[in-house]
Amino acid sequence: MPTNLSARLCTFVLSLFLIAFALPAFAGPFEDAVAKFANDDFSDTEEAIAAVASSGNKLAFPIISALQDGRLMADSDSKKVYVTGADGKSIDAATGEAIASVPDSASAVRLNNRLRRSVDAALGSLTLQSPDVGTRLQAAQSVFKSHEETALEPVDAALAKETNKSVKTALGEARAAILLFKSDATEVEKLEAVATLRARGDQEAMALLTGMGDQPASVTKAAASAISSIQSSLAVWSTVQNAWYGLSLGSVLLLAAIGLAITFGVMGVINMAHGEMVMIGAYTTFVVQEVIRTRYPALFDYSLLIAVPLAFLVAGAIGVLIERSIIRFLYGRPLETLLATWGLSLVLQQAVRTMFGPTNREVGNPSWMSGAFELGQITITYNRLWILVFTLAVFAILLAMLRYTALGLEMRAVTQNRRMAASMGIATSRVDALTFGLGSGIAGIAGVALSQIDNVSPNLGQSYIIDSFMVVVFGGVGNLWGTLVGAFTLGIANKFLEPVAGAVLGKIAILVLIILFIQKRPRGLFALKGRAVEA
């Protein structure tokens, strides 16, 4: 019995000795991989990245993320590696245990360009199994860009489990990018990879196909055909992109010119202060947002919806005041009207400088107007898309108002024959004031939209006044449909000329073409009879 007890006691003491002293010498593969970060050798670091990323350890993602951000610290003397968090707390990278502080002898693990690509690929492979669809999609795109061979196995594993169509497509493209550069990939795999990249058909796919180096003859031939196909496709998409830019510019021109189409086209008044009505609308938006920021921040996403009616009322009221105090004394005297409104524009600019200062003012984008989305190979920003929709809505409402309201009927009557309208009991002076106020109010809501894509400054209106007159004259004085067609025609033509002739020469070419066109059709695209014509 004593002998057995002694044997058991010896066994127990030996076990304790092994646990305390011997076992730490046999660290696992994860710990060995982490320790390589402390060797300060790029080759060891690359091996460590691959081993940690494929280990399946829960610390793998924090370690690789810290390495990417320069937060992975290593002590070459003790071979210890530490992860420092953004909150200042640190952990032992091998065990995950919290530590009081990182030793002074530790320094950040160095990276070069090759290692950065390896880090991107490792992070991509680590997030391929994320439950979040957006995270998986971003990870697949990251692997596609890095196309590191070490990511092939995680990509295949994720591809087998993926159910989301977009993520599955992105994973297939990432796999194709890896196989295209994989030295031991078969010819069949490379041909399939070329076909996948050809189907993707963007600049990144063409860059991979162009830089894939020496390949079998069949692969090289397939790649050349794919590059030619992608170039043709991109040329078509470039045309579509320019057309979209043209529509976007046309919507801005229409929004700025539609108010002028009323004051100049219908009333025959050359209003050089029209741009300042646009500016007043933009500053109204700024004031609304400032009030909301300071008092009702939860309403910021509704700030533009609140600013639209206020800008219309403020600019419209100023327009009525201008008509009653200045314009009504100058009907039939276009030169004096031009000079008076030009001087008024300078007064309004200086007044705004005095009130708000000469510097640009910040007008923020609500969340529903921020960001962009991809449509094929073109990028569409939400603010431009909403401005286009808003412009068409304003145009439709204005047409309906002119056609179905009493004020619209009176405006059309005064436009066609002022004396006959007066003899029928229409107060022409009241119609003049309301018409000028309507045109100014529409310019004000144009300022709300323009505040989202341009600098809000005292000179905002001057950027659009000349283009607005060009649109109105080209489309046909007094014809709203002509203004619509003229705005989009000039916008699209300008965007197609810019890549060829440059921005300045493009505008000059447009101006010359309009002058030549007006020589042939003095009344523009859509001629309209009215008091300006009869005069």
Protein backbone atom coordinates (compact mmCIF):
# COMPACT_ATOMS: atom_id res chain seq x y z
CA MET A 1 0.00 0.00 0.00
CA PRO A 2 2.75 2.51 0.83
CA THR A 3 4.48 1.53 -2.37
CA ASN A 4 1.37 2.31 -4.45
CA LEU A 5 0.89 5.60 -2.62
CA SER A 6 4.49 6.59 -3.29
CA ALA A 7 4.14 5.72 -6.97
CA ARG A 8 0.98 7.78 -7.31
CA LEU A 9 2.60 10.69 -5.50
CA CYS A 10 5.61 10.57 -7.84
CA THR A 11 3.30 10.47 -10.86
CA PHE A 12 1.37 13.49 -9.60
CA VAL A 13 4.56 15.50 -8.93
CA LEU A 14 5.90 14.60 -12.39
CA SER A 15 2.64 15.73 -14.01
CA LEU A 16 2.83 19.05 -12.20
CA PHE A 17 6.40 19.46 -13.41
CA LEU A 18 5.42 18.77 -17.02
CA ILE A 19 2.54 21.23 -16.85
CA ALA A 20 4.63 23.95 -15.25
CA PHE A 21 7.86 23.63 -17.21
CA ALA A 22 7.74 21.24 -20.09
CA LEU A 23 4.42 22.02 -21.85
CA PRO A 24 5.13 25.72 -22.58
CA ALA A 25 8.03 24.58 -24.67
CA PHE A 26 5.53 22.83 -26.99
CA ALA A 27 3.50 25.81 -28.20
CA GLY A 28 0.79 25.22 -30.81
CA PRO A 29 1.01 26.19 -34.49
CA PHE A 30 -1.01 29.38 -33.90
CA GLU A 31 1.38 30.59 -31.20
CA ASP A 32 4.37 29.69 -33.37
CA ALA A 33 2.88 31.67 -36.27
CA VAL A 34 2.24 34.71 -34.09
CA ALA A 35 5.81 34.60 -32.76
CA LYS A 36 7.17 34.98 -36.31
CA PHE A 37 5.86 38.57 -36.36
CA ALA A 38 8.63 39.37 -33.85
CA ASN A 39 11.43 38.26 -36.20
CA ASP A 40 11.33 41.57 -38.14
CA ASP A 41 11.73 39.68 -41.40
CA PHE A 42 9.38 40.21 -44.33
CA SER A 43 9.43 36.52 -45.32
CA ASP A 44 8.59 35.41 -41.77
CA THR A 45 5.86 38.03 -41.59
CA GLU A 46 4.33 36.74 -44.83
CA GLU A 47 4.36 33.17 -43.49
CA ALA A 48 2.81 34.40 -40.24
CA ILE A 49 0.01 36.19 -42.09
CA ALA A 50 -0.86 33.05 -44.06
CA ALA A 51 -0.71 30.79 -41.00
CA VAL A 52 -2.75 33.07 -38.74
CA ALA A 53 -5.39 33.70 -41.43
CA SER A 54 -5.86 29.95 -42.02
CA SER A 55 -5.74 28.96 -38.33
CA GLY A 56 -9.42 29.49 -37.60
CA ASN A 57 -8.48 31.13 -34.29
CA LYS A 58 -10.82 33.85 -33.07
CA LEU A 59 -7.83 36.16 -32.61
CA ALA A 60 -6.87 35.94 -36.31
CA PHE A 61 -9.04 38.84 -37.47
CA PRO A 62 -7.96 41.28 -34.69
CA ILE A 63 -4.30 40.42 -35.34
CA ILE A 64 -4.44 40.95 -39.12
CA SER A 65 -6.55 44.10 -38.71
CA ALA A 66 -4.03 45.48 -36.23
CA LEU A 67 -1.22 44.65 -38.65
CA GLN A 68 -2.97 46.57 -41.43
CA ASP A 69 -3.53 49.62 -39.19
CA GLY A 70 -0.01 49.62 -37.68
CA ARG A 71 -1.31 48.51 -34.26
CA LEU A 72 0.48 45.14 -34.11
CA MET A 73 3.51 45.53 -31.83
CA ALA A 74 6.34 43.00 -31.48
CA ASP A 75 9.23 42.66 -29.03
CA SER A 76 12.20 41.02 -30.79
CA ASP A 77 13.89 40.17 -27.46
CA SER A 78 11.05 38.31 -25.76
CA LYS A 79 9.38 37.25 -29.06
CA LYS A 80 6.11 38.54 -27.70
CA VAL A 81 3.49 40.14 -29.97
CA TYR A 82 0.79 42.54 -28.83
CA VAL A 83 -2.40 43.98 -30.32
CA THR A 84 -3.12 47.57 -29.30
CA GLY A 85 -6.73 48.68 -29.61
CA ALA A 86 -8.10 52.04 -30.69
CA ASP A 87 -9.26 52.53 -27.09
CA GLY A 88 -5.67 52.25 -25.80
CA LYS A 89 -6.10 48.76 -24.30
CA SER A 90 -3.71 45.98 -25.34
CA ILE A 91 -3.75 42.19 -25.42
CA ASP A 92 -1.23 39.42 -25.92
CA ALA A 93 -1.69 38.39 -29.56
CA ALA A 94 -0.94 34.72 -28.88
CA THR A 95 -3.28 34.21 -25.90
CA GLY A 96 -5.74 37.09 -26.04
CA GLU A 97 -5.05 37.98 -22.41
CA ALA A 98 -5.19 41.66 -21.47
CA ILE A 99 -1.91 43.31 -20.49
CA ALA A 100 -1.28 46.49 -18.55
CA SER A 101 0.93 48.10 -21.18
CA VAL A 102 3.08 47.27 -24.18
CA PRO A 103 6.82 47.15 -23.33
CA ASP A 104 8.87 50.12 -24.50
CA SER A 105 11.12 47.76 -26.48
CA ALA A 106 8.21 46.68 -28.71
CA SER A 107 7.74 48.34 -32.10
CA ALA A 108 5.15 48.15 -34.88
CA VAL A 109 5.51 45.22 -37.28
CA ARG A 110 6.77 46.54 -40.62
CA LEU A 111 4.98 46.04 -43.95
CA ASN A 112 5.97 46.46 -47.57
CA ASN A 113 3.72 46.62 -50.64
CA ARG A 114 3.69 42.85 -51.12
CA LEU A 115 2.78 42.26 -47.49
CA ARG A 116 0.00 44.85 -47.72
CA ARG A 117 -1.53 42.84 -50.56
CA SER A 118 -1.21 39.72 -48.43
CA VAL A 119 -2.90 41.50 -45.53
CA ASP A 120 -5.78 42.61 -47.79
CA ALA A 121 -6.20 39.05 -49.05
CA ALA A 122 -6.06 37.63 -45.51
CA LEU A 123 -8.67 40.06 -44.23
CA GLY A 124 -10.83 39.26 -47.23
CA SER A 125 -10.62 35.52 -46.58
CA LEU A 126 -11.33 36.01 -42.85
CA THR A 127 -14.56 37.91 -43.55
CA LEU A 128 -15.83 35.67 -46.36
CA GLN A 129 -17.86 33.69 -43.82
CA SER A 130 -19.39 36.76 -42.15
CA PRO A 131 -23.17 36.58 -41.53
CA ASP A 132 -23.51 40.09 -43.00
CA VAL A 133 -24.05 40.10 -46.80
CA GLY A 134 -22.36 43.48 -47.26
CA THR A 135 -19.27 42.34 -45.35
CA ARG A 136 -18.99 39.18 -47.46
CA LEU A 137 -19.38 41.17 -50.66
CA GLN A 138 -16.68 43.63 -49.61
CA ALA A 139 -14.41 40.74 -48.63
CA ALA A 140 -14.85 39.08 -52.03
CA GLN A 141 -14.04 42.35 -53.77
CA SER A 142 -10.93 42.74 -51.61
CA VAL A 143 -9.75 39.26 -52.57
CA PHE A 144 -10.40 40.05 -56.24
CA LYS A 145 -8.13 43.09 -56.05
CA SER A 146 -5.32 41.32 -54.20
CA HIS A 147 -5.72 37.90 -56.00
CA GLU A 148 -3.36 36.23 -53.51
CA GLU A 149 -3.03 32.45 -53.96
CA THR A 150 -3.44 31.86 -50.21
CA ALA A 151 -7.04 33.06 -50.44
CA LEU A 152 -8.09 30.36 -52.94
CA GLU A 153 -9.03 27.75 -50.35
CA PRO A 154 -11.17 30.16 -48.23
CA VAL A 155 -12.83 31.45 -51.42
CA ASP A 156 -13.71 27.90 -52.53
CA ALA A 157 -15.10 27.13 -49.08
CA ALA A 158 -17.18 30.32 -49.05
CA LEU A 159 -18.36 29.74 -52.63
CA ALA A 160 -19.69 26.31 -51.70
CA LYS A 161 -21.84 27.77 -48.91
CA GLU A 162 -22.87 31.11 -50.46
CA THR A 163 -26.55 31.61 -51.34
CA ASN A 164 -26.66 35.34 -52.14
CA LYS A 165 -26.46 35.88 -55.92
CA SER A 166 -24.36 39.08 -55.83
CA VAL A 167 -21.86 37.69 -53.34
CA LYS A 168 -21.64 34.42 -55.27
CA THR A 169 -20.82 36.33 -58.46
CA ALA A 170 -18.17 38.37 -56.63
CA LEU A 171 -16.65 35.18 -55.18
CA GLY A 172 -16.52 33.61 -58.64
CA GLU A 173 -14.72 36.68 -59.97
CA ALA A 174 -12.28 36.61 -57.03
CA ARG A 175 -11.58 32.92 -57.72
CA ALA A 176 -10.99 33.69 -61.40
CA ALA A 177 -8.53 36.47 -60.53
CA ILE A 178 -6.57 34.09 -58.29
CA LEU A 179 -6.47 31.28 -60.85
CA LEU A 180 -5.37 33.64 -63.62
CA PHE A 181 -2.13 34.36 -61.73
CA LYS A 182 -1.71 30.97 -60.07
CA SER A 183 1.39 29.32 -61.52
CA ASP A 184 0.15 25.72 -61.21
CA ALA A 185 -3.43 26.36 -62.42
CA THR A 186 -4.45 24.24 -65.39
CA GLU A 187 -5.04 25.68 -68.85
CA VAL A 188 -8.74 24.89 -68.57
CA GLU A 189 -8.97 26.77 -65.26
CA LYS A 190 -7.22 29.79 -66.77
CA LEU A 191 -9.55 29.82 -69.79
CA GLU A 192 -12.55 29.70 -67.46
CA ALA A 193 -11.00 32.54 -65.46
CA VAL A 194 -10.60 34.64 -68.61
CA ALA A 195 -14.25 34.01 -69.51
CA THR A 196 -15.36 35.08 -66.02
CA LEU A 197 -13.35 38.32 -66.18
CA ARG A 198 -14.67 38.97 -69.69
CA ALA A 199 -18.20 38.72 -68.33
CA ARG A 200 -17.31 41.19 -65.54
CA GLY A 201 -16.18 43.63 -68.23
CA ASP A 202 -14.87 46.58 -66.21
CA GLN A 203 -11.55 48.44 -65.97
CA GLU A 204 -10.29 46.22 -63.13
CA ALA A 205 -10.96 43.06 -65.14
CA MET A 206 -9.17 44.51 -68.16
CA ALA A 207 -6.20 45.50 -65.98
CA LEU A 208 -5.88 41.91 -64.69
CA LEU A 209 -6.08 40.48 -68.20
CA THR A 210 -3.51 42.97 -69.48
CA GLY A 211 -0.99 42.28 -66.71
CA MET A 212 -1.21 38.50 -66.39
CA GLY A 213 2.24 37.88 -67.96
CA ASP A 214 3.35 34.78 -69.91
CA GLN A 215 0.55 32.29 -70.45
CA PRO A 216 -0.20 29.37 -72.80
CA ALA A 217 -1.05 30.43 -76.34
CA SER A 218 -4.74 29.57 -76.01
CA VAL A 219 -5.03 31.61 -72.81
CA THR A 220 -3.21 34.58 -74.37
CA LYS A 221 -5.52 34.47 -77.39
CA ALA A 222 -8.62 34.28 -75.20
CA ALA A 223 -7.33 37.16 -73.07
CA ALA A 224 -6.71 39.33 -76.15
CA SER A 225 -10.24 38.66 -77.37
CA ALA A 226 -11.63 39.45 -73.92
CA ILE A 227 -9.67 42.72 -73.71
CA SER A 228 -11.01 43.79 -77.12
CA SER A 229 -14.56 42.95 -76.06
CA ILE A 230 -14.20 44.82 -72.76
CA GLN A 231 -12.80 47.89 -74.53
CA SER A 232 -15.80 47.98 -76.88
CA SER A 233 -18.19 47.55 -73.95
CA LEU A 234 -16.46 50.29 -71.94
CA ALA A 235 -16.69 52.66 -74.92
CA VAL A 236 -20.45 52.13 -75.00
CA TRP A 237 -20.72 52.62 -71.23
CA SER A 238 -18.59 55.77 -71.51
CA THR A 239 -21.15 57.15 -73.96
CA VAL A 240 -23.93 56.25 -71.54
CA GLN A 241 -22.02 57.90 -68.68
CA ASN A 242 -21.60 61.11 -70.71
CA ALA A 243 -25.30 61.03 -71.56
CA TRP A 244 -26.12 60.73 -67.85
CA TYR A 245 -23.78 63.62 -67.03
CA GLY A 246 -25.52 65.59 -69.78
CA LEU A 247 -28.96 64.85 -68.34
CA SER A 248 -27.69 65.83 -64.90
CA LEU A 249 -26.30 69.13 -66.22
CA GLY A 250 -29.46 69.66 -68.26
CA SER A 251 -31.64 69.27 -65.17
CA VAL A 252 -29.57 71.92 -63.38
CA LEU A 253 -29.84 74.26 -66.37
CA LEU A 254 -33.59 73.66 -66.62
CA LEU A 255 -34.09 74.32 -62.94
CA ALA A 256 -32.13 77.58 -63.17
CA ALA A 257 -33.78 78.66 -66.46
CA ILE A 258 -37.41 77.71 -65.90
CA GLY A 259 -38.08 80.77 -63.75
CA LEU A 260 -36.37 82.96 -66.33
CA ALA A 261 -38.58 81.43 -69.03
CA ILE A 262 -41.50 83.06 -67.24
CA THR A 263 -40.05 86.49 -66.44
CA PHE A 264 -38.16 86.86 -69.73
CA GLY A 265 -40.23 84.68 -72.01
CA VAL A 266 -43.71 85.59 -70.84
CA MET A 267 -43.19 89.13 -69.56
CA GLY A 268 -40.40 90.21 -71.92
CA VAL A 269 -38.30 91.45 -68.98
CA ILE A 270 -34.52 91.00 -69.21
CA ASN A 271 -33.94 90.24 -65.54
CA MET A 272 -30.21 90.22 -64.82
CA ALA A 273 -31.00 89.72 -61.11
CA HIS A 274 -32.52 86.29 -61.78
CA GLY A 275 -29.33 84.58 -60.60
CA GLU A 276 -29.62 86.39 -57.30
CA MET A 277 -33.06 84.84 -56.77
CA VAL A 278 -31.33 81.46 -57.10
CA MET A 279 -28.73 82.63 -54.57
CA ILE A 280 -31.45 83.75 -52.14
CA GLY A 281 -33.03 80.29 -52.33
CA ALA A 282 -29.67 78.69 -51.54
CA TYR A 283 -29.11 80.96 -48.53
CA THR A 284 -32.64 80.24 -47.33
CA THR A 285 -31.67 76.57 -47.31
CA PHE A 286 -28.55 77.42 -45.32
CA VAL A 287 -30.57 79.34 -42.72
CA VAL A 288 -33.12 76.50 -42.41
CA GLN A 289 -30.35 73.97 -41.86
CA GLU A 290 -28.63 76.17 -39.28
CA VAL A 291 -31.85 76.47 -37.28
CA ILE A 292 -32.46 72.72 -37.50
CA ARG A 293 -28.86 71.89 -36.54
CA THR A 294 -28.97 74.04 -33.42
CA ARG A 295 -32.55 73.42 -32.26
CA TYR A 296 -34.07 70.39 -33.97
CA PRO A 297 -31.21 68.10 -35.11
CA ALA A 298 -33.55 65.12 -35.48
CA LEU A 299 -35.26 66.93 -38.39
CA PHE A 300 -32.11 67.36 -40.48
CA ASP A 301 -33.16 64.78 -43.08
CA TYR A 302 -36.29 66.88 -43.67
CA SER A 303 -34.43 70.18 -43.97
CA LEU A 304 -34.71 70.38 -47.78
CA LEU A 305 -38.41 69.58 -47.68
CA ILE A 306 -38.86 72.46 -45.25
CA ALA A 307 -36.59 74.78 -47.25
CA VAL A 308 -38.38 74.34 -50.60
CA PRO A 309 -41.64 76.19 -49.72
CA LEU A 310 -39.76 78.77 -47.64
CA ALA A 311 -37.31 79.51 -50.48
CA PHE A 312 -40.23 79.86 -52.89
CA LEU A 313 -42.01 82.31 -50.59
CA VAL A 314 -38.91 84.38 -49.77
CA ALA A 315 -37.64 84.65 -53.36
CA GLY A 316 -41.19 85.12 -54.67
CA ALA A 317 -41.90 87.94 -52.22
CA ILE A 318 -38.65 89.68 -53.15
CA GLY A 319 -39.58 89.23 -56.82
CA VAL A 320 -42.98 90.88 -56.30
CA LEU A 321 -41.29 93.74 -54.43
CA ILE A 322 -38.81 94.23 -57.30
CA GLU A 323 -41.60 94.25 -59.89
CA ARG A 324 -43.72 96.71 -57.95
CA SER A 325 -40.87 99.07 -57.09
CA ILE A 326 -38.68 98.94 -60.24
CA ILE A 327 -39.80 96.77 -63.15
CA ARG A 328 -43.32 98.18 -63.61
CA PHE A 329 -41.89 101.58 -64.50
CA LEU A 330 -39.65 100.11 -67.20
CA TYR A 331 -41.95 97.96 -69.37
CA GLY A 332 -41.17 98.44 -73.04
CA ARG A 333 -37.68 99.79 -72.24
CA PRO A 334 -35.46 96.68 -72.36
CA LEU A 335 -32.12 98.47 -72.10
CA GLU A 336 -33.14 100.37 -68.97
CA THR A 337 -34.57 97.14 -67.50
CA LEU A 338 -31.30 95.32 -68.16
CA LEU A 339 -29.22 98.04 -66.51
CA ALA A 340 -31.59 98.39 -63.55
CA THR A 341 -31.69 94.65 -62.79
CA TRP A 342 -27.93 94.34 -63.28
CA GLY A 343 -27.39 97.08 -60.70
CA LEU A 344 -29.96 95.37 -58.46
CA SER A 345 -28.00 92.10 -58.71
CA LEU A 346 -24.90 93.87 -57.38
CA VAL A 347 -26.93 95.33 -54.51
CA LEU A 348 -28.33 91.93 -53.59
CA GLN A 349 -24.89 90.30 -53.72
CA GLN A 350 -23.46 92.95 -51.42
CA ALA A 351 -26.40 92.63 -49.05
CA VAL A 352 -25.79 88.89 -48.75
CA ARG A 353 -22.06 89.50 -48.20
CA THR A 354 -22.91 91.89 -45.40
CA MET A 355 -25.35 89.47 -43.75
CA PHE A 356 -23.54 86.13 -44.21
CA GLY A 357 -19.97 87.06 -45.11
CA PRO A 358 -18.08 86.58 -48.40
CA THR A 359 -17.00 82.98 -47.77
CA ASN A 360 -18.81 79.83 -48.86
CA ARG A 361 -21.46 78.47 -46.53
CA GLU A 362 -21.90 74.79 -45.79
CA VAL A 363 -25.18 73.18 -46.76
CA GLY A 364 -25.28 69.50 -45.86
CA ASN A 365 -26.76 66.60 -47.78
CA PRO A 366 -29.56 64.65 -46.07
CA SER A 367 -28.94 60.93 -45.80
CA TRP A 368 -31.33 60.16 -48.65
CA MET A 369 -29.30 62.39 -50.99
CA SER A 370 -25.89 61.03 -49.99
CA GLY A 371 -23.91 58.28 -51.67
CA ALA A 372 -24.12 56.65 -55.08
CA PHE A 373 -24.96 53.36 -56.73
CA GLU A 374 -23.67 51.42 -59.72
CA LEU A 375 -25.82 50.82 -62.79
CA GLY A 376 -23.90 48.62 -65.17
CA GLN A 377 -20.54 50.34 -65.59
CA ILE A 378 -21.73 53.85 -64.66
CA THR A 379 -21.96 55.55 -61.28
CA ILE A 380 -25.09 57.52 -60.39
CA THR A 381 -25.04 59.81 -57.36
CA TYR A 382 -28.24 60.14 -55.38
CA ASN A 383 -28.11 63.94 -55.18
CA ARG A 384 -27.99 64.32 -58.97
CA LEU A 385 -30.73 61.73 -59.41
CA TRP A 386 -33.02 63.49 -56.92
CA ILE A 387 -32.34 66.86 -58.56
CA LEU A 388 -33.40 65.41 -61.93
CA VAL A 389 -36.60 64.02 -60.39
CA PHE A 390 -37.24 67.30 -58.56
CA THR A 391 -36.70 69.34 -61.73
CA LEU A 392 -39.18 67.27 -63.73
CA ALA A 393 -41.69 67.52 -60.87
CA VAL A 394 -41.36 71.32 -60.77
CA PHE A 395 -41.76 71.45 -64.55
CA ALA A 396 -44.91 69.30 -64.44
CA ILE A 397 -46.43 71.33 -61.60
CA LEU A 398 -45.71 74.59 -63.43
CA LEU A 399 -47.34 73.29 -66.62
CA ALA A 400 -50.39 72.17 -64.67
CA MET A 401 -50.59 75.54 -62.91
CA LEU A 402 -50.48 77.45 -66.21
CA ARG A 403 -53.11 75.19 -67.75
CA TYR A 404 -55.61 74.53 -64.98
CA THR A 405 -55.53 77.53 -62.59
CA ALA A 406 -57.09 80.98 -62.86
CA LEU A 407 -53.68 82.65 -62.56
CA GLY A 408 -52.34 80.47 -65.36
CA LEU A 409 -55.29 81.39 -67.59
CA GLU A 410 -54.79 85.10 -66.87
CA MET A 411 -51.04 84.82 -67.54
CA ARG A 412 -51.66 83.18 -70.90
CA ALA A 413 -54.29 85.77 -71.78
CA VAL A 414 -52.00 88.70 -70.94
CA THR A 415 -49.17 87.04 -72.86
CA GLN A 416 -51.25 86.63 -76.02
CA ASN A 417 -52.95 90.05 -75.99
CA ARG A 418 -52.49 92.47 -73.12
CA ARG A 419 -55.06 95.05 -74.24
CA MET A 420 -57.74 92.47 -74.93
CA ALA A 421 -57.09 90.85 -71.54
CA ALA A 422 -57.41 94.23 -69.83
CA SER A 423 -60.67 94.91 -71.64
CA MET A 424 -61.99 91.57 -70.33
CA GLY A 425 -61.46 92.74 -66.75
CA ILE A 426 -58.11 91.10 -66.02
CA ALA A 427 -55.93 93.25 -63.76
CA THR A 428 -52.81 93.14 -65.89
CA SER A 429 -50.64 94.91 -63.32
CA ARG A 430 -51.56 92.30 -60.69
CA VAL A 431 -50.81 89.50 -63.17
CA ASP A 432 -47.44 91.11 -63.93
CA ALA A 433 -46.50 91.20 -60.25
CA LEU A 434 -47.63 87.62 -59.60
CA THR A 435 -45.91 86.36 -62.75
CA PHE A 436 -42.62 87.98 -61.78
CA GLY A 437 -43.03 86.63 -58.25
CA LEU A 438 -43.72 83.14 -59.64
CA GLY A 439 -40.59 83.22 -61.79
CA SER A 440 -38.51 84.47 -58.85
CA GLY A 441 -40.01 81.84 -56.52
CA ILE A 442 -39.11 79.04 -58.91
CA ALA A 443 -35.58 80.46 -59.07
CA GLY A 444 -35.55 80.28 -55.26
CA ILE A 445 -36.40 76.59 -55.18
CA ALA A 446 -33.75 76.08 -57.87
CA GLY A 447 -31.33 77.49 -55.30
CA VAL A 448 -32.41 74.80 -52.82
CA ALA A 449 -31.42 72.08 -55.27
CA LEU A 450 -28.22 73.80 -56.40
CA SER A 451 -27.08 74.15 -52.80
CA GLN A 452 -26.58 70.37 -52.82
CA ILE A 453 -24.09 70.36 -55.71
CA ASP A 454 -22.48 73.81 -55.72
CA ASN A 455 -20.88 76.26 -53.32
CA VAL A 456 -23.35 78.52 -51.53
CA SER A 457 -21.77 81.94 -51.93
CA PRO A 458 -22.83 85.45 -53.01
CA ASN A 459 -21.64 84.62 -56.54
CA LEU A 460 -23.73 81.46 -56.89
CA GLY A 461 -26.30 83.00 -59.24
CA GLN A 462 -23.71 84.48 -61.58
CA SER A 463 -22.61 80.97 -62.55
CA TYR A 464 -26.01 80.22 -64.07
CA ILE A 465 -27.47 83.47 -65.42
CA ILE A 466 -25.76 83.33 -68.85
CA ASP A 467 -26.53 79.64 -69.31
CA SER A 468 -30.14 80.30 -68.33
CA PHE A 469 -30.54 82.99 -71.01
CA MET A 470 -28.93 80.66 -73.55
CA VAL A 471 -31.41 77.90 -72.70
CA VAL A 472 -34.45 80.19 -72.93
CA VAL A 473 -33.39 81.79 -76.21
CA PHE A 474 -32.38 78.46 -77.77
CA GLY A 475 -35.56 76.66 -76.74
CA GLY A 476 -37.90 79.45 -77.75
CA VAL A 477 -38.78 82.55 -75.76
CA GLY A 478 -41.84 81.95 -73.57
CA ASN A 479 -42.22 78.23 -74.39
CA LEU A 480 -41.71 75.94 -71.40
CA TRP A 481 -41.39 72.82 -73.55
CA GLY A 482 -38.74 74.63 -75.54
CA THR A 483 -36.92 75.42 -72.30
CA LEU A 484 -37.03 71.73 -71.35
CA VAL A 485 -35.68 70.55 -74.71
CA GLY A 486 -33.13 73.36 -74.85
CA ALA A 487 -31.77 72.64 -71.36
CA PHE A 488 -31.26 68.93 -71.93
CA THR A 489 -29.90 69.45 -75.46
CA LEU A 490 -27.30 71.95 -74.29
CA GLY A 491 -26.43 69.84 -71.23
CA ILE A 492 -25.82 66.67 -73.25
CA ALA A 493 -23.98 68.52 -76.04
CA ASN A 494 -21.73 70.20 -73.48
CA LYS A 495 -20.78 66.91 -71.80
CA PHE A 496 -19.96 65.25 -75.11
CA LEU A 497 -17.83 68.21 -76.23
CA GLU A 498 -15.87 68.52 -72.97
CA PRO A 499 -13.74 65.34 -73.40
CA VAL A 500 -12.83 66.43 -76.93
CA ALA A 501 -12.38 70.19 -76.68
CA GLY A 502 -12.06 70.80 -72.94
CA ALA A 503 -14.47 72.62 -70.60
CA VAL A 504 -13.73 76.19 -71.80
CA LEU A 505 -13.57 75.48 -75.53
CA GLY A 506 -16.65 73.30 -75.19
CA LYS A 507 -18.68 76.20 -73.79
CA ILE A 508 -17.36 78.52 -76.51
CA ALA A 509 -18.34 75.99 -79.18
CA ILE A 510 -21.85 75.71 -77.70
CA LEU A 511 -22.20 79.51 -77.70
CA VAL A 512 -21.06 79.76 -81.34
CA LEU A 513 -23.51 77.03 -82.37
CA ILE A 514 -26.38 78.81 -80.61
CA ILE A 515 -25.52 82.10 -82.33
CA LEU A 516 -25.51 80.37 -85.72
CA PHE A 517 -28.78 78.62 -84.88
CA ILE A 518 -30.48 81.86 -83.84
CA GLN A 519 -29.43 83.41 -87.14
CA LYS A 520 -31.54 80.77 -88.89
CA ARG A 521 -34.36 80.54 -86.32
CA PRO A 522 -34.57 83.82 -84.40
CA ARG A 523 -37.51 82.56 -82.30
CA GLY A 524 -35.69 79.41 -81.17
CA LEU A 525 -36.71 75.77 -81.41
CA PHE A 526 -40.35 76.36 -80.49
CA ALA A 527 -41.68 79.76 -81.57
CA LEU A 528 -44.41 81.28 -79.40
CA LYS A 529 -46.60 84.25 -80.13
CA GLY A 530 -46.79 86.72 -77.31
CA ARG A 531 -46.39 90.28 -76.31
CA ALA A 532 -42.60 90.11 -76.62
CA VAL A 533 -43.01 88.98 -80.23
CA GLU A 534 -45.75 91.48 -81.02
CA ALA A 535 -43.63 94.31 -79.70
